[in-house]
PDB file of N, CA and C in Angstrom:
ATOM      1  N   MET A   1      17.307  15.226  18.483  1.00  0.00           N
ATOM      2  CA  MET A   1      16.681  16.486  17.961  1.00  0.00           C
ATOM      3  C   MET A   1      15.787  15.937  17.017  1.00  0.00           C
ATOM      4  N   ASN A   2      14.669  16.468  16.537  1.00  0.00           N
ATOM      5  CA  ASN A   2      13.905  16.561  15.635  1.00  0.00           C
ATOM      6  C   ASN A   2      13.694  16.665  14.257  1.00  0.00           C
ATOM      7  N   GLN A   3      13.408  15.580  13.535  1.00  0.00           N
ATOM      8  CA  GLN A   3      13.239  16.347  11.677  1.00  0.00           C
ATOM      9  C   GLN A   3      13.520  17.730  11.650  1.00  0.00           C
ATOM     10  N   VAL A   4      12.827  18.817  12.170  1.00  0.00           N
ATOM     11  CA  VAL A   4      12.642  20.269  12.097  1.00  0.00           C
ATOM     12  C   VAL A   4      14.127  20.816  12.645  1.00  0.00           C
ATOM     13  N   GLN A   5      14.725  20.251  13.241  1.00  0.00           N
ATOM     14  CA  GLN A   5      15.979  20.858  13.601  1.00  0.00           C
ATOM     15  C   GLN A   5      16.645  20.272  12.741  1.00  0.00           C
ATOM     16  N   VAL A   6      16.672  19.164  12.622  1.00  0.00           N
ATOM     17  CA  VAL A   6      18.236  19.078  11.031  1.00  0.00           C
ATOM     18  C   VAL A   6      18.214  19.436  10.567  1.00  0.00           C
ATOM     19  N   ARG A   7      16.458  19.555   9.398  1.00  0.00           N
ATOM     20  CA  ARG A   7      16.380  20.204   8.019  1.00  0.00           C
ATOM     21  C   ARG A   7      17.379  21.645   8.519  1.00  0.00           C
ATOM     22  N   PHE A   8      17.108  22.793   9.888  1.00  0.00           N
ATOM     23  CA  PHE A   8      17.512  23.961   9.562  1.00  0.00           C
ATOM     24  C   PHE A   8      18.438  23.758  10.026  1.00  0.00           C
ATOM     25  N   GLU A   9      19.145  22.632  11.087  1.00  0.00           N
ATOM     26  CA  GLU A   9      20.662  22.877  10.378  1.00  0.00           C
ATOM     27  C   GLU A   9      21.266  22.477   9.483  1.00  0.00           C
ATOM     28  N   VAL A  10      21.291  21.544   8.859  1.00  0.00           N
ATOM     29  CA  VAL A  10      21.519  21.361   7.278  1.00  0.00           C
ATOM     30  C   VAL A  10      21.747  22.374   6.424  1.00  0.00           C
ATOM     31  N   HIS A  11      20.315  22.760   6.723  1.00  0.00           N
ATOM     32  CA  HIS A  11      20.670  24.438   5.889  1.00  0.00           C
ATOM     33  C   HIS A  11      21.520  25.496   5.892  1.00  0.00           C
ATOM     34  N   GLN A  12      21.503  25.647   7.333  1.00  0.00           N
ATOM     35  CA  GLN A  12      22.853  26.566   7.722  1.00  0.00           C
ATOM     36  C   GLN A  12      24.225  25.877   7.045  1.00  0.00           C
ATOM     37  N   MET A  13      24.095  24.735   7.345  1.00  0.00           N
ATOM     38  CA  MET A  13      25.738  24.681   6.856  1.00  0.00           C
ATOM     39  C   MET A  13      25.910  23.977   5.789  1.00  0.00           C
ATOM     40  N   VAL A  14      24.624  23.905   4.774  1.00  0.00           N
ATOM     41  CA  VAL A  14      25.156  24.267   3.218  1.00  0.00           C
ATOM     42  C   VAL A  14      25.304  25.389   2.786  1.00  0.00           C
ATOM     43  N   ASP A  15      24.406  26.363   3.662  1.00  0.00           N
ATOM     44  CA  ASP A  15      25.073  27.968   3.193  1.00  0.00           C
ATOM     45  C   ASP A  15      25.837  28.614   3.541  1.00  0.00           C
ATOM     46  N   ARG A  16      27.043  27.974   4.458  1.00  0.00           N
ATOM     47  CA  ARG A  16      28.484  27.964   4.938  1.00  0.00           C
ATOM     48  C   ARG A  16      29.663  27.145   4.079  1.00  0.00           C
ATOM     49  N   LEU A  17      29.128  26.411   2.536  1.00  0.00           N
ATOM     50  CA  LEU A  17      29.637  25.921   2.314  1.00  0.00           C
ATOM     51  C   LEU A  17      31.053  26.224   1.154  1.00  0.00           C
ATOM     52  N   ASP A  18      31.688  26.135   0.995  1.00  0.00           N
ATOM     53  CA  ASP A  18      32.573  26.284   0.295  1.00  0.00           C
ATOM     54  C   ASP A  18      32.237  25.570  -1.633  1.00  0.00           C
ATOM     55  N   GLU A  19      32.802  26.633  -3.181  1.00  0.00           N
ATOM     56  CA  GLU A  19      31.874  25.577  -3.718  1.00  0.00           C
ATOM     57  C   GLU A  19      32.328  24.271  -4.478  1.00  0.00           C
ATOM     58  N   HIS A  20      33.697  23.826  -3.996  1.00  0.00           N
ATOM     59  CA  HIS A  20      33.577  22.648  -4.656  1.00  0.00           C
ATOM     60  C   HIS A  20      33.138  21.509  -3.208  1.00  0.00           C
ATOM     61  N   LEU A  21      33.358  21.686  -2.049  1.00  0.00           N
ATOM     62  CA  LEU A  21      32.169  20.694  -1.331  1.00  0.00           C
ATOM     63  C   LEU A  21      30.692  20.650  -1.680  1.00  0.00           C
ATOM     64  N   LEU A  22      29.999  22.433  -2.210  1.00  0.00           N
ATOM     65  CA  LEU A  22      28.710  22.226  -2.446  1.00  0.00           C
ATOM     66  C   LEU A  22      28.189  21.851  -3.907  1.00  0.00           C
ATOM     67  N   ALA A  23      29.377  21.735  -4.762  1.00  0.00           N
ATOM     68  CA  ALA A  23      29.163  21.055  -5.857  1.00  0.00           C
ATOM     69  C   ALA A  23      29.015  19.230  -5.778  1.00  0.00           C
ATOM     70  N   ALA A  24      29.822  18.749  -4.631  1.00  0.00           N
ATOM     71  CA  ALA A  24      30.408  17.526  -4.222  1.00  0.00           C
ATOM     72  C   ALA A  24      28.872  16.994  -3.178  1.00  0.00           C
ATOM     73  N   VAL A  25      28.234  17.990  -2.941  1.00  0.00           N
ATOM     74  CA  VAL A  25      27.037  17.780  -2.296  1.00  0.00           C
ATOM     75  C   VAL A  25      26.031  17.554  -3.141  1.00  0.00           C
ATOM     76  N   HIS A  26      25.655  18.774  -3.654  1.00  0.00           N
ATOM     77  CA  HIS A  26      25.023  18.547  -4.925  1.00  0.00           C
ATOM     78  C   HIS A  26      24.930  17.108  -5.940  1.00  0.00           C
ATOM     79  N   SER A  27      25.926  16.654  -5.972  1.00  0.00           N
ATOM     80  CA  SER A  27      26.039  15.345  -7.039  1.00  0.00           C
ATOM     81  C   SER A  27      25.805  14.513  -6.194  1.00  0.00           C
ATOM     82  N   MET A  28      26.137  14.425  -5.387  1.00  0.00           N
ATOM     83  CA  MET A  28      25.684  13.175  -4.015  1.00  0.00           C
ATOM     84  C   MET A  28      23.940  12.870  -4.103  1.00  0.00           C
ATOM     85  N   LEU A  29      23.466  14.537  -4.139  1.00  0.00           N
ATOM     86  CA  LEU A  29      22.072  14.326  -3.738  1.00  0.00           C
ATOM     87  C   LEU A  29      21.372  14.055  -4.796  1.00  0.00           C
ATOM     88  N   ALA A  30      22.025  14.777  -5.806  1.00  0.00           N
ATOM     89  CA  ALA A  30      21.657  14.748  -7.491  1.00  0.00           C
ATOM     90  C   ALA A  30      21.521  12.714  -7.691  1.00  0.00           C
ATOM     91  N   THR A  31      22.265  12.376  -7.563  1.00  0.00           N
ATOM     92  CA  THR A  31      22.372  10.775  -7.308  1.00  0.00           C
ATOM     93  C   THR A  31      21.479  10.209  -6.502  1.00  0.00           C
ATOM     94  N   TYR A  32      21.452  10.180  -5.459  1.00  0.00           N
ATOM     95  CA  TYR A  32      20.128  10.145  -4.009  1.00  0.00           C
ATOM     96  C   TYR A  32      19.033   9.720  -4.930  1.00  0.00           C
ATOM     97  N   GLU A  33      18.768  11.618  -5.310  1.00  0.00           N
ATOM     98  CA  GLU A  33      17.170  11.718  -6.307  1.00  0.00           C
ATOM     99  C   GLU A  33      16.833  10.750  -6.844  1.00  0.00           C
ATOM    100  N   GLN A  34      18.375  10.724  -8.197  1.00  0.00           N
ATOM    101  CA  GLN A  34      17.786   9.420  -9.495  1.00  0.00           C
ATOM    102  C   GLN A  34      17.877   7.961  -8.742  1.00  0.00           C
ATOM    103  N   LYS A  35      18.128   7.502  -7.960  1.00  0.00           N
ATOM    104  CA  LYS A  35      17.948   6.013  -7.460  1.00  0.00           C
ATOM    105  C   LYS A  35      17.029   6.058  -6.256  1.00  0.00           C
ATOM    106  N   GLN A  36      16.498   6.926  -5.653  1.00  0.00           N
ATOM    107  CA  GLN A  36      15.232   7.040  -5.338  1.00  0.00           C
ATOM    108  C   GLN A  36      13.916   6.949  -6.591  1.00  0.00           C
ATOM    109  N   GLU A  37      13.995   7.724  -7.821  1.00  0.00           N
ATOM    110  CA  GLU A  37      12.814   7.772  -8.773  1.00  0.00           C
ATOM    111  C   GLU A  37      13.460   6.264  -9.422  1.00  0.00           C
ATOM    112  N   GLU A  38      14.712   5.852  -9.489  1.00  0.00           N
ATOM    113  CA  GLU A  38      14.521   4.447 -10.072  1.00  0.00           C
ATOM    114  C   GLU A  38      13.816   3.508  -9.085  1.00  0.00           C
ATOM    115  N   ASP A  39      13.942   3.541  -8.033  1.00  0.00           N
ATOM    116  CA  ASP A  39      13.435   2.495  -6.868  1.00  0.00           C
ATOM    117  C   ASP A  39      12.562   2.988  -6.506  1.00  0.00           C
ATOM    118  N   THR A  40      11.429   3.162  -7.008  1.00  0.00           N
ATOM    119  CA  THR A  40      10.337   3.601  -6.406  1.00  0.00           C
ATOM    120  C   THR A  40       9.526   2.510  -5.853  1.00  0.00           C
ATOM    121  N   ILE A  41       8.949   2.169  -4.873  1.00  0.00           N
ATOM    122  CA  ILE A  41       8.369   1.310  -4.131  1.00  0.00           C
ATOM    123  C   ILE A  41       7.084   1.186  -4.881  1.00  0.00           C
ATOM    124  N   ILE A  42       6.968   0.021  -5.182  1.00  0.00           N
ATOM    125  CA  ILE A  42       5.300  -0.054  -6.329  1.00  0.00           C
ATOM    126  C   ILE A  42       4.162  -1.332  -5.274  1.00  0.00           C
ATOM    127  N   GLY A  43       5.058  -1.755  -4.477  1.00  0.00           N
ATOM    128  CA  GLY A  43       4.199  -2.827  -3.363  1.00  0.00           C
ATOM    129  C   GLY A  43       4.748  -3.022  -2.275  1.00  0.00           C
ATOM    130  N   TYR A  44       4.288  -3.991  -2.029  1.00  0.00           N
ATOM    131  CA  TYR A  44       4.694  -4.353  -0.504  1.00  0.00           C
ATOM    132  C   TYR A  44       4.346  -6.015  -0.666  1.00  0.00           C
ATOM    133  N   ASP A  45       5.015  -7.214  -0.134  1.00  0.00           N
ATOM    134  CA  ASP A  45       4.398  -8.263  -0.259  1.00  0.00           C
ATOM    135  C   ASP A  45       3.978  -8.568   0.722  1.00  0.00           C
ATOM    136  N   ILE A  46       3.700 -10.015   1.059  1.00  0.00           N
ATOM    137  CA  ILE A  46       2.233 -10.534   2.123  1.00  0.00           C
ATOM    138  C   ILE A  46       3.142 -10.073   3.664  1.00  0.00           C
ATOM    139  N   LYS A  47       4.856  -9.834   3.991  1.00  0.00           N
ATOM    140  CA  LYS A  47       5.752  -9.705   4.523  1.00  0.00           C
ATOM    141  C   LYS A  47       5.630  -8.339   5.382  1.00  0.00           C
ATOM    142  N   GLY A  48       4.730  -7.430   4.263  1.00  0.00           N
ATOM    143  CA  GLY A  48       5.494  -5.907   4.393  1.00  0.00           C
ATOM    144  C   GLY A  48       6.644  -5.160   3.963  1.00  0.00           C
ATOM    145  N   THR A  49       7.376  -6.522   3.213  1.00  0.00           N
ATOM    146  CA  THR A  49       8.638  -5.478   2.844  1.00  0.00           C
ATOM    147  C   THR A  49       8.348  -4.957   1.691  1.00  0.00           C
ATOM    148  N   PRO A  50       9.021  -3.698   1.483  1.00  0.00           N
ATOM    149  CA  PRO A  50       8.650  -2.695  -0.017  1.00  0.00           C
ATOM    150  C   PRO A  50       9.036  -3.493  -1.080  1.00  0.00           C
ATOM    151  N   LEU A  51       8.320  -3.783  -2.108  1.00  0.00           N
ATOM    152  CA  LEU A  51       8.950  -4.397  -3.629  1.00  0.00           C
ATOM    153  C   LEU A  51       9.416  -2.790  -4.477  1.00  0.00           C
ATOM    154  N   LEU A  52      10.315  -2.867  -5.477  1.00  0.00           N
ATOM    155  CA  LEU A  52      11.051  -1.810  -5.524  1.00  0.00           C
ATOM    156  C   LEU A  52      10.720  -2.033  -7.399  1.00  0.00           C
ATOM    157  N   ALA A  53      10.681  -0.945  -7.844  1.00  0.00           N
ATOM    158  CA  ALA A  53      10.788  -0.691  -9.187  1.00  0.00           C
ATOM    159  C   ALA A  53      12.004  -1.429  -9.983  1.00  0.00           C
ATOM    160  N   SER A  54      12.994  -1.495  -9.509  1.00  0.00           N
ATOM    161  CA  SER A  54      13.961  -2.032 -10.119  1.00  0.00           C
ATOM    162  C   SER A  54      14.031  -3.893  -9.828  1.00  0.00           C
ATOM    163  N   GLN A  55      13.288  -4.196  -8.399  1.00  0.00           N
ATOM    164  CA  GLN A  55      13.465  -5.700  -8.570  1.00  0.00           C
ATOM    165  C   GLN A  55      13.203  -5.876  -9.643  1.00  0.00           C
ATOM    166  N   LEU A  56      11.232  -5.269  -9.505  1.00  0.00           N
ATOM    167  CA  LEU A  56      10.415  -5.764 -10.883  1.00  0.00           C
ATOM    168  C   LEU A  56      10.954  -5.954 -12.391  1.00  0.00           C
ATOM    169  N   ARG A  57      11.467  -4.533 -12.600  1.00  0.00           N
ATOM    170  CA  ARG A  57      12.147  -4.549 -13.696  1.00  0.00           C
ATOM    171  C   ARG A  57      12.857  -5.656 -14.276  1.00  0.00           C
ATOM    172  N   ALA A  58      13.924  -6.073 -12.896  1.00  0.00           N
ATOM    173  CA  ALA A  58      14.956  -7.043 -13.131  1.00  0.00           C
ATOM    174  C   ALA A  58      14.179  -8.886 -13.458  1.00  0.00           C
ATOM    175  N   GLU A  59      13.383  -8.686 -12.783  1.00  0.00           N
ATOM    176  CA  GLU A  59      12.350  -9.963 -12.959  1.00  0.00           C
ATOM    177  C   GLU A  59      11.501 -10.078 -14.348  1.00  0.00           C
ATOM    178  N   LEU A  60      11.141  -9.255 -14.320  1.00  0.00           N
ATOM    179  CA  LEU A  60      10.571  -8.888 -15.832  1.00  0.00           C
ATOM    180  C   LEU A  60      10.913  -9.307 -17.066  1.00  0.00           C
ATOM    181  N   LEU A  61      12.551  -8.672 -16.755  1.00  0.00           N
ATOM    182  CA  LEU A  61      13.267  -9.629 -18.112  1.00  0.00           C
ATOM    183  C   LEU A  61      13.681 -11.043 -17.965  1.00  0.00           C
ATOM    184  N   ARG A  62      14.169 -11.316 -16.819  1.00  0.00           N
ATOM    185  CA  ARG A  62      14.659 -12.826 -16.547  1.00  0.00           C
ATOM    186  C   ARG A  62      13.437 -13.797 -17.540  1.00  0.00           C
ATOM    187  N   GLU A  63      11.950 -13.047 -17.032  1.00  0.00           N
ATOM    188  CA  GLU A  63      11.216 -13.871 -17.886  1.00  0.00           C
ATOM    189  C   GLU A  63      10.749 -13.454 -18.938  1.00  0.00           C
ATOM    190  N   ILE A  64      11.176 -12.795 -20.022  1.00  0.00           N
ATOM    191  CA  ILE A  64      10.917 -11.964 -20.854  1.00  0.00           C
ATOM    192  C   ILE A  64      12.265 -13.090 -21.813  1.00  0.00           C
ATOM    193  N   GLU A  65      13.309 -13.338 -20.979  1.00  0.00           N
ATOM    194  CA  GLU A  65      14.323 -14.141 -21.848  1.00  0.00           C
ATOM    195  C   GLU A  65      14.169 -15.376 -21.359  1.00  0.00           C
ATOM    196  N   LEU A  66      13.415 -16.213 -20.471  1.00  0.00           N
ATOM    197  CA  LEU A  66      12.880 -17.325 -20.584  1.00  0.00           C
ATOM    198  C   LEU A  66      12.111 -17.979 -21.602  1.00  0.00           C
ATOM    199  N   VAL A  67      11.254 -16.777 -21.906  1.00  0.00           N
ATOM    200  CA  VAL A  67      10.319 -16.744 -22.672  1.00  0.00           C
ATOM    201  C   VAL A  67      11.056 -17.230 -24.417  1.00  0.00           C
ATOM    202  N   GLU A  68      11.825 -15.839 -24.787  1.00  0.00           N
ATOM    203  CA  GLU A  68      12.716 -16.063 -25.822  1.00  0.00           C
ATOM    204  C   GLU A  68      13.616 -16.941 -25.929  1.00  0.00           C
ATOM    205  N   GLN A  69      13.686 -17.601 -24.741  1.00  0.00           N
ATOM    206  CA  GLN A  69      14.414 -19.292 -25.008  1.00  0.00           C
ATOM    207  C   GLN A  69      13.329 -20.293 -25.033  1.00  0.00           C
ATOM    208  N   GLY A  70      12.533 -20.124 -25.257  1.00  0.00           N
ATOM    209  CA  GLY A  70      11.508 -21.284 -25.369  1.00  0.00           C
ATOM    210  C   GLY A  70      11.040 -22.131 -24.623  1.00  0.00           C
ATOM    211  N   ASN A  71      11.318 -21.517 -23.220  1.00  0.00           N
ATOM    212  CA  ASN A  71      11.102 -22.267 -21.677  1.00  0.00           C
ATOM    213  C   ASN A  71       9.401 -20.809 -21.119  1.00  0.00           C
ATOM    214  N   PHE A  72       8.458 -21.311 -21.443  1.00  0.00           N
ATOM    215  CA  PHE A  72       7.262 -21.613 -20.776  1.00  0.00           C
ATOM    216  C   PHE A  72       6.735 -22.479 -21.377  1.00  0.00           C
ATOM    217  N   MET A  73       4.980 -22.536 -20.572  1.00  0.00           N
ATOM    218  CA  MET A  73       4.257 -23.429 -20.999  1.00  0.00           C
ATOM    219  C   MET A  73       3.134 -22.808 -21.593  1.00  0.00           C
ATOM    220  N   SER A  74       2.707 -23.865 -22.313  1.00  0.00           N
ATOM    221  CA  SER A  74       1.343 -23.606 -23.649  1.00  0.00           C
ATOM    222  C   SER A  74       0.469 -23.624 -22.724  1.00  0.00           C
ATOM    223  N   ILE A  75      -0.264 -22.498 -23.372  1.00  0.00           N
ATOM    224  CA  ILE A  75      -2.280 -22.553 -22.936  1.00  0.00           C
ATOM    225  C   ILE A  75      -2.794 -23.704 -22.829  1.00  0.00           C
ATOM    226  N   GLU A  76      -2.620 -24.894 -23.539  1.00  0.00           N
ATOM    227  CA  GLU A  76      -2.889 -26.308 -23.500  1.00  0.00           C
ATOM    228  C   GLU A  76      -2.634 -27.197 -22.193  1.00  0.00           C
ATOM    229  N   ALA A  77      -1.069 -27.281 -22.447  1.00  0.00           N
ATOM    230  CA  ALA A  77      -0.649 -28.082 -21.201  1.00  0.00           C
ATOM    231  C   ALA A  77      -0.805 -26.613 -20.022  1.00  0.00           C
ATOM    232  N   LEU A  78      -1.362 -26.037 -19.551  1.00  0.00           N
ATOM    233  CA  LEU A  78      -1.826 -25.302 -18.280  1.00  0.00           C
ATOM    234  C   LEU A  78      -3.008 -25.854 -17.993  1.00  0.00           C
ATOM    235  N   GLU A  79      -3.782 -25.582 -19.026  1.00  0.00           N
ATOM    236  CA  GLU A  79      -5.615 -26.125 -18.992  1.00  0.00           C
ATOM    237  C   GLU A  79      -5.411 -27.642 -18.216  1.00  0.00           C
ATOM    238  N   LYS A  80      -4.703 -28.809 -19.064  1.00  0.00           N
ATOM    239  CA  LYS A  80      -4.091 -29.655 -18.484  1.00  0.00           C
ATOM    240  C   LYS A  80      -3.926 -29.884 -16.859  1.00  0.00           C
ATOM    241  N   GLU A  81      -2.700 -29.256 -17.012  1.00  0.00           N
ATOM    242  CA  GLU A  81      -2.080 -29.076 -15.464  1.00  0.00           C
ATOM    243  C   GLU A  81      -3.193 -28.931 -14.325  1.00  0.00           C
ATOM    244  N   SER A  82      -4.026 -28.048 -14.663  1.00  0.00           N
ATOM    245  CA  SER A  82      -5.160 -27.209 -13.312  1.00  0.00           C
ATOM    246  C   SER A  82      -5.895 -28.194 -13.472  1.00  0.00           C
ATOM    247  N   GLU A  83      -6.553 -29.310 -14.373  1.00  0.00           N
ATOM    248  CA  GLU A  83      -7.667 -29.722 -14.192  1.00  0.00           C
ATOM    249  C   GLU A  83      -7.007 -31.068 -13.706  1.00  0.00           C
ATOM    250  N   GLN A  84      -5.575 -30.984 -12.911  1.00  0.00           N
ATOM    251  CA  GLN A  84      -5.533 -32.271 -12.320  1.00  0.00           C
ATOM    252  C   GLN A  84      -5.051 -31.610 -10.930  1.00  0.00           C
ATOM    253  N   TRP A  85      -5.007 -30.507 -11.126  1.00  0.00           N
ATOM    254  CA  TRP A  85      -4.989 -29.783  -9.225  1.00  0.00           C
ATOM    255  C   TRP A  85      -6.834 -29.899  -9.366  1.00  0.00           C
ATOM    256  N   LEU A  86      -7.747 -29.681  -9.376  1.00  0.00           N
ATOM    257  CA  LEU A  86      -8.815 -29.521  -9.736  1.00  0.00           C
ATOM    258  C   LEU A  86      -9.214 -30.865  -9.033  1.00  0.00           C
ATOM    259  N   LYS A  87      -8.845 -32.164  -9.593  1.00  0.00           N
ATOM    260  CA  LYS A  87      -9.120 -32.946  -9.183  1.00  0.00           C
ATOM    261  C   LYS A  87      -8.365 -33.751  -8.032  1.00  0.00           C
ATOM    262  N   SER A  88      -7.382 -33.110  -7.521  1.00  0.00           N
ATOM    263  CA  SER A  88      -6.739 -33.320  -5.626  1.00  0.00           C
ATOM    264  C   SER A  88      -7.926 -32.521  -5.223  1.00  0.00           C
ATOM    265  N   THR A  89      -9.203 -31.846  -5.647  1.00  0.00           N
ATOM    266  CA  THR A  89      -9.211 -30.838  -4.593  1.00  0.00           C
ATOM    267  C   THR A  89     -10.924 -31.677  -4.264  1.00  0.00           C
ATOM    268  N   LYS A  90     -11.177 -32.023  -5.092  1.00  0.00           N
ATOM    269  CA  LYS A  90     -12.838 -32.772  -5.147  1.00  0.00           C
ATOM    270  C   LYS A  90     -12.548 -34.099  -4.596  1.00  0.00           C
TER     271      LYS A  90
END
């Protein structure tokens, strides 16, 4: 059965639902749509795995916490470290 046929059958089934089951299906679909909006695909990693907005948000919040705790590298320290990287490639 192709997608068009499935959609047609689902529409017919929804038209026959009683009000209680219709309310439950509506709630389920609304929750699903909300979850999809929150987890928008914002990119892909090198293996082609989708990167979700919720994952990025969680990662950024962790990074902010680390900075607030003083766990970061200064520009000067980064410059010194990068000089060492460049020396090893010459």
